[in-house]
Amino acid sequence: MLLLVESSLQGDFAVIHSMPVARHERFVYNRSMNVEEYADAAVSRLAAAIGEPARARILYYLMDGHARTSTELAIVADVSPSTASAHLNRLKTERLVKVLAQGKHRYYSLRGPSVATALEGLSVLAGGTRKNFVPSTPRRLHAARTCYDHIAGKVAVSLHDHFVTKGWLSTTRADNDDTYDLTRTGTKALEALGIDVAGTRAMRRRFAFACLDWSERRPHIAGALGGALLDALLKKRWATQDRYSRALEITSLGRRELLARFGVQT
């Protein structure tokens, strides 16, 4: 602090004025940085999440793209249901898995293709093989059936995948919800199939969303669009509905058309 002394015009005493002086502080580089944002810290967290044996078994069991319940994954991981729940929460926190609530059940699957790619790379280094998913659905319901008012089963999942691959569906993804909309090309394609897209969209219900398939454990299309798709298949006689069950039979005409139009084999 500097002291400046000057004489007052009103008398002989001195008036002392203080002047602030700039202080130089040493800058601490990492004072405001969050070390959790560093890539090495993030990689360390992910490695720790994957590295626990039970969690690793869960992740690799989900590599086939099929979703499972926590009960099923507890059996796979050879842990109690409560322990499996804790493991799944950890994997969800690290964004390695996602959960879809459907009715009273919660189904877990890998978060996305980037997770599968990382796991595949690790499996190449480690070696080993994995078991494929084998559905236990009765054979007559496996190929095609109704799920409420829309089509389910292997055919429905194949149609969903074709629509996504062709870019006919646009997707809004959240942790517990997959909501779909039609693109322009998708609208034209389904209108060519005889579906009134504008009328379907005007219904007082969700337009389209992913419904996890009971047998395939992968999504098919539900909502108003899923119902319209089933109606179109029935009207065109590509499929017939069993009077006493949910089973749908794909007709010979339907098999030819589904293969020619959508690359779907039945």
Protein backbone atom coordinates (compact mmCIF):
# COMPACT_ATOMS: atom_id res chain seq x y z
CA MET A 1 0.00 0.00 0.00
CA LEU A 2 1.36 3.42 -0.98
CA LEU A 3 0.81 6.48 1.24
CA LEU A 4 0.61 9.87 -0.49
CA VAL A 5 1.12 12.90 1.75
CA GLU A 6 0.04 16.34 0.61
CA SER A 7 -0.57 19.64 2.41
CA SER A 8 -4.10 20.87 2.92
CA LEU A 9 -4.89 24.40 1.82
CA GLN A 10 -6.97 24.78 4.98
CA GLY A 11 -4.12 24.21 7.45
CA ASP A 12 -0.68 22.95 8.23
CA PHE A 13 -1.64 19.34 8.98
CA ALA A 14 -1.09 16.60 6.44
CA VAL A 15 -3.85 14.61 4.85
CA ILE A 16 -2.96 11.03 4.10
CA HIS A 17 -4.58 9.43 1.07
CA SER A 18 -4.33 5.73 0.39
CA MET A 19 -4.05 4.41 -3.12
CA PRO A 20 -4.78 0.78 -3.97
CA VAL A 21 -1.97 -1.12 -5.59
CA ALA A 22 -2.60 -4.04 -7.92
CA ARG A 23 -1.74 -7.39 -6.40
CA HIS A 24 -0.39 -10.18 -8.52
CA GLU A 25 -1.66 -13.63 -7.64
CA ARG A 26 -0.32 -16.86 -8.99
CA PHE A 27 -2.87 -18.47 -11.35
CA VAL A 28 -3.71 -22.03 -10.45
CA TYR A 29 -4.34 -23.73 -13.80
CA ASN A 30 -6.69 -26.48 -12.70
CA ARG A 31 -8.61 -24.52 -10.06
CA SER A 32 -11.91 -24.50 -11.98
CA MET A 33 -11.51 -27.69 -13.95
CA ASN A 34 -13.54 -30.82 -13.32
CA VAL A 35 -11.19 -33.77 -13.63
CA GLU A 36 -14.17 -36.06 -14.29
CA GLU A 37 -14.40 -34.48 -17.72
CA TYR A 38 -10.96 -35.66 -18.75
CA ALA A 39 -11.00 -38.49 -21.25
CA ASP A 40 -8.74 -40.68 -19.14
CA ALA A 41 -11.09 -40.39 -16.16
CA ALA A 42 -14.08 -41.25 -18.33
CA VAL A 43 -12.31 -44.26 -19.81
CA SER A 44 -11.34 -45.39 -16.31
CA ARG A 45 -14.98 -45.27 -15.16
CA LEU A 46 -16.17 -47.24 -18.17
CA ALA A 47 -13.42 -49.81 -17.77
CA ALA A 48 -14.35 -50.28 -14.11
CA ALA A 49 -18.02 -50.71 -15.03
CA ILE A 50 -17.25 -53.28 -17.72
CA GLY A 51 -14.46 -54.96 -15.77
CA GLU A 52 -16.60 -56.44 -12.99
CA PRO A 53 -17.24 -60.08 -14.05
CA ALA A 54 -21.00 -60.11 -13.47
CA ARG A 55 -21.47 -56.84 -15.35
CA ALA A 56 -19.28 -58.10 -18.18
CA ARG A 57 -21.43 -61.23 -18.49
CA ILE A 58 -24.56 -59.06 -18.63
CA LEU A 59 -23.13 -56.80 -21.35
CA TYR A 60 -21.91 -59.64 -23.52
CA TYR A 61 -25.22 -61.46 -23.16
CA LEU A 62 -26.92 -58.36 -24.59
CA MET A 63 -24.58 -58.25 -27.58
CA ASP A 64 -27.06 -60.09 -29.82
CA GLY A 65 -29.38 -57.07 -29.78
CA HIS A 66 -32.16 -58.73 -27.78
CA ALA A 67 -33.48 -57.14 -24.59
CA ARG A 68 -33.82 -59.03 -21.30
CA THR A 69 -35.41 -58.52 -17.92
CA SER A 70 -33.33 -58.05 -14.78
CA THR A 71 -34.46 -61.51 -13.63
CA GLU A 72 -33.09 -63.13 -16.78
CA LEU A 73 -29.84 -61.16 -16.49
CA ALA A 74 -29.47 -62.14 -12.84
CA ILE A 75 -29.46 -65.79 -13.94
CA VAL A 76 -26.93 -65.05 -16.67
CA ALA A 77 -24.65 -63.15 -14.27
CA ASP A 78 -25.10 -65.81 -11.55
CA VAL A 79 -26.04 -63.21 -8.93
CA SER A 80 -29.11 -62.45 -6.84
CA PRO A 81 -31.89 -60.28 -8.32
CA SER A 82 -31.00 -57.41 -5.96
CA THR A 83 -27.33 -57.58 -6.96
CA ALA A 84 -28.27 -57.70 -10.65
CA SER A 85 -30.42 -54.60 -10.13
CA ALA A 86 -27.45 -52.76 -8.62
CA HIS A 87 -25.21 -53.83 -11.51
CA LEU A 88 -27.78 -52.69 -14.07
CA ASN A 89 -28.11 -49.31 -12.37
CA ARG A 90 -24.33 -48.89 -12.61
CA LEU A 91 -24.34 -49.82 -16.30
CA LYS A 92 -27.24 -47.46 -16.94
CA THR A 93 -25.45 -44.61 -15.13
CA GLU A 94 -22.39 -45.13 -17.34
CA ARG A 95 -24.68 -45.13 -20.41
CA LEU A 96 -23.78 -48.67 -21.39
CA VAL A 97 -27.33 -50.01 -21.25
CA LYS A 98 -30.82 -48.53 -21.61
CA VAL A 99 -34.10 -49.69 -20.13
CA LEU A 100 -37.54 -49.86 -21.71
CA ALA A 101 -40.53 -50.10 -19.37
CA GLN A 102 -43.36 -52.11 -20.88
CA GLY A 103 -46.29 -52.89 -18.61
CA LYS A 104 -44.96 -54.21 -15.32
CA HIS A 105 -41.70 -55.36 -16.89
CA ARG A 106 -38.45 -53.51 -17.51
CA TYR A 107 -36.28 -54.70 -20.38
CA TYR A 108 -32.58 -53.92 -20.66
CA SER A 109 -30.52 -53.70 -23.83
CA LEU A 110 -27.23 -52.18 -24.95
CA ARG A 111 -27.28 -48.41 -25.21
CA GLY A 112 -26.32 -48.40 -28.87
CA PRO A 113 -23.99 -49.72 -31.59
CA SER A 114 -20.98 -47.85 -30.18
CA VAL A 115 -21.23 -49.93 -26.99
CA ALA A 116 -21.44 -53.12 -29.03
CA THR A 117 -18.41 -52.07 -31.07
CA ALA A 118 -16.35 -51.45 -27.94
CA LEU A 119 -17.35 -54.81 -26.45
CA GLU A 120 -16.62 -56.57 -29.73
CA GLY A 121 -13.13 -55.06 -29.74
CA LEU A 122 -12.52 -56.32 -26.22
CA SER A 123 -13.81 -59.78 -27.13
CA VAL A 124 -11.37 -59.93 -30.05
CA LEU A 125 -8.54 -59.30 -27.63
CA ALA A 126 -9.87 -61.77 -25.07
CA GLY A 127 -11.17 -64.45 -27.44
CA GLY A 128 -14.13 -66.72 -26.65
CA THR A 129 -17.63 -67.23 -28.00
CA ARG A 130 -21.15 -66.32 -26.89
CA LYS A 131 -24.48 -68.16 -27.02
CA ASN A 132 -27.13 -66.90 -29.41
CA PHE A 133 -30.61 -65.90 -28.27
CA VAL A 134 -33.14 -68.73 -28.69
CA PRO A 135 -36.79 -67.69 -28.24
CA SER A 136 -39.12 -70.00 -26.32
CA THR A 137 -42.26 -68.67 -28.00
CA PRO A 138 -44.70 -71.32 -29.36
CA ARG A 139 -43.86 -71.92 -33.00
CA ARG A 140 -47.24 -70.84 -34.38
CA LEU A 141 -46.91 -67.45 -32.64
CA HIS A 142 -43.25 -66.87 -33.43
CA ALA A 143 -43.48 -65.85 -37.10
CA ALA A 144 -46.40 -63.43 -36.86
CA ARG A 145 -49.12 -62.61 -34.34
CA THR A 146 -51.15 -59.68 -33.09
CA CYS A 147 -49.91 -57.52 -30.22
CA TYR A 148 -53.04 -55.61 -29.19
CA ASP A 149 -53.97 -54.04 -32.54
CA HIS A 150 -50.64 -54.27 -34.38
CA ILE A 151 -48.47 -56.99 -35.85
CA ALA A 152 -45.73 -58.65 -33.81
CA GLY A 153 -43.31 -61.52 -34.24
CA LYS A 154 -40.39 -62.13 -36.55
CA VAL A 155 -42.15 -60.58 -39.57
CA ALA A 156 -42.98 -57.40 -37.64
CA VAL A 157 -39.42 -57.00 -36.37
CA SER A 158 -38.09 -57.50 -39.91
CA LEU A 159 -40.48 -54.84 -41.23
CA HIS A 160 -39.35 -52.45 -38.48
CA ASP A 161 -35.70 -53.02 -39.36
CA HIS A 162 -36.39 -52.49 -43.06
CA PHE A 163 -38.20 -49.20 -42.40
CA VAL A 164 -35.31 -47.97 -40.26
CA THR A 165 -32.66 -49.04 -42.79
CA LYS A 166 -34.53 -47.35 -45.64
CA GLY A 167 -34.81 -44.13 -43.65
CA TRP A 168 -38.60 -44.25 -43.60
CA LEU A 169 -38.72 -43.73 -39.85
CA SER A 170 -37.21 -40.86 -37.92
CA THR A 171 -36.44 -41.60 -34.30
CA THR A 172 -36.57 -39.58 -31.11
CA ARG A 173 -34.72 -41.58 -28.49
CA ALA A 174 -34.92 -41.12 -24.75
CA ASP A 175 -33.98 -43.38 -21.88
CA ASN A 176 -37.36 -45.05 -21.61
CA ASP A 177 -39.05 -44.14 -24.86
CA ASP A 178 -38.55 -44.65 -28.60
CA THR A 179 -40.97 -42.44 -30.51
CA TYR A 180 -41.14 -42.67 -34.28
CA ASP A 181 -42.33 -40.42 -37.07
CA LEU A 182 -42.44 -40.98 -40.80
CA THR A 183 -40.07 -39.23 -43.16
CA ARG A 184 -41.24 -38.00 -46.55
CA THR A 185 -40.00 -41.15 -48.27
CA GLY A 186 -41.60 -43.27 -45.57
CA THR A 187 -44.90 -41.50 -46.01
CA LYS A 188 -44.84 -42.12 -49.77
CA ALA A 189 -43.90 -45.78 -49.30
CA LEU A 190 -46.72 -46.50 -46.85
CA GLU A 191 -49.27 -44.54 -48.86
CA ALA A 192 -48.30 -46.75 -51.80
CA LEU A 193 -49.16 -49.69 -49.54
CA GLY A 194 -52.67 -48.28 -49.16
CA ILE A 195 -52.25 -46.68 -45.73
CA ASP A 196 -53.97 -43.34 -45.12
CA VAL A 197 -51.05 -41.68 -43.33
CA ALA A 198 -52.82 -38.35 -42.76
CA GLY A 199 -55.88 -40.07 -41.30
CA THR A 200 -53.72 -42.32 -39.15
CA ARG A 201 -51.79 -39.33 -37.86
CA ALA A 202 -55.05 -37.56 -36.93
CA MET A 203 -56.12 -40.33 -34.55
CA ARG A 204 -56.23 -39.45 -30.86
CA ARG A 205 -53.41 -41.78 -29.89
CA ARG A 206 -49.65 -42.03 -30.24
CA PHE A 207 -48.71 -42.15 -33.88
CA ALA A 208 -45.80 -44.63 -33.76
CA PHE A 209 -43.39 -45.99 -31.18
CA ALA A 210 -41.17 -48.98 -30.53
CA CYS A 211 -42.82 -51.95 -28.83
CA LEU A 212 -40.41 -54.58 -27.58
CA ASP A 213 -41.29 -57.88 -29.22
CA TRP A 214 -42.09 -60.68 -26.80
CA SER A 215 -40.39 -63.44 -28.81
CA GLU A 216 -37.64 -61.57 -30.65
CA ARG A 217 -36.80 -59.15 -27.81
CA ARG A 218 -36.25 -56.47 -30.42
CA PRO A 219 -38.66 -53.68 -31.42
CA HIS A 220 -41.58 -53.72 -33.79
CA ILE A 221 -43.83 -50.77 -34.68
CA ALA A 222 -46.74 -50.00 -32.37
CA GLY A 223 -49.22 -47.14 -32.14
CA ALA A 224 -51.64 -45.94 -34.78
CA LEU A 225 -49.14 -46.65 -37.56
CA GLY A 226 -48.59 -50.22 -36.36
CA GLY A 227 -52.36 -50.78 -36.35
CA ALA A 228 -52.69 -49.32 -39.85
CA LEU A 229 -49.89 -51.58 -41.09
CA LEU A 230 -51.67 -54.68 -39.76
CA ASP A 231 -54.96 -53.56 -41.32
CA ALA A 232 -53.20 -53.13 -44.67
CA LEU A 233 -51.71 -56.63 -44.54
CA LEU A 234 -55.11 -58.15 -43.72
CA LYS A 235 -56.97 -56.16 -46.41
CA LYS A 236 -54.43 -57.18 -49.05
CA ARG A 237 -54.74 -60.81 -47.91
CA TRP A 238 -51.05 -60.95 -47.23
CA ALA A 239 -51.95 -62.28 -43.81
CA THR A 240 -54.95 -63.97 -42.23
CA GLN A 241 -55.87 -63.96 -38.56
CA ASP A 242 -56.63 -67.06 -36.54
CA ARG A 243 -60.13 -66.83 -35.06
CA TYR A 244 -59.22 -68.39 -31.72
CA SER A 245 -55.73 -67.05 -31.04
CA ARG A 246 -53.34 -64.18 -31.72
CA ALA A 247 -51.57 -66.12 -34.47
CA LEU A 248 -51.29 -64.61 -37.93
CA GLU A 249 -50.60 -66.73 -40.99
CA ILE A 250 -48.67 -65.14 -43.84
CA THR A 251 -50.27 -66.26 -47.10
CA SER A 252 -48.34 -67.35 -50.17
CA LEU A 253 -49.20 -63.98 -51.75
CA GLY A 254 -47.98 -62.23 -48.61
CA ARG A 255 -44.69 -64.13 -48.63
CA ARG A 256 -44.02 -63.09 -52.21
CA GLU A 257 -44.97 -59.44 -51.65
CA LEU A 258 -43.12 -59.06 -48.35
CA LEU A 259 -39.98 -60.47 -49.94
CA ALA A 260 -40.26 -58.37 -53.10
CA ARG A 261 -41.19 -55.09 -51.42
CA PHE A 262 -39.39 -55.26 -48.08
CA GLY A 263 -36.87 -58.09 -48.32
CA VAL A 264 -38.70 -59.90 -45.52
CA GLN A 265 -38.44 -63.68 -45.59
CA THR A 266 -41.06 -65.75 -43.81
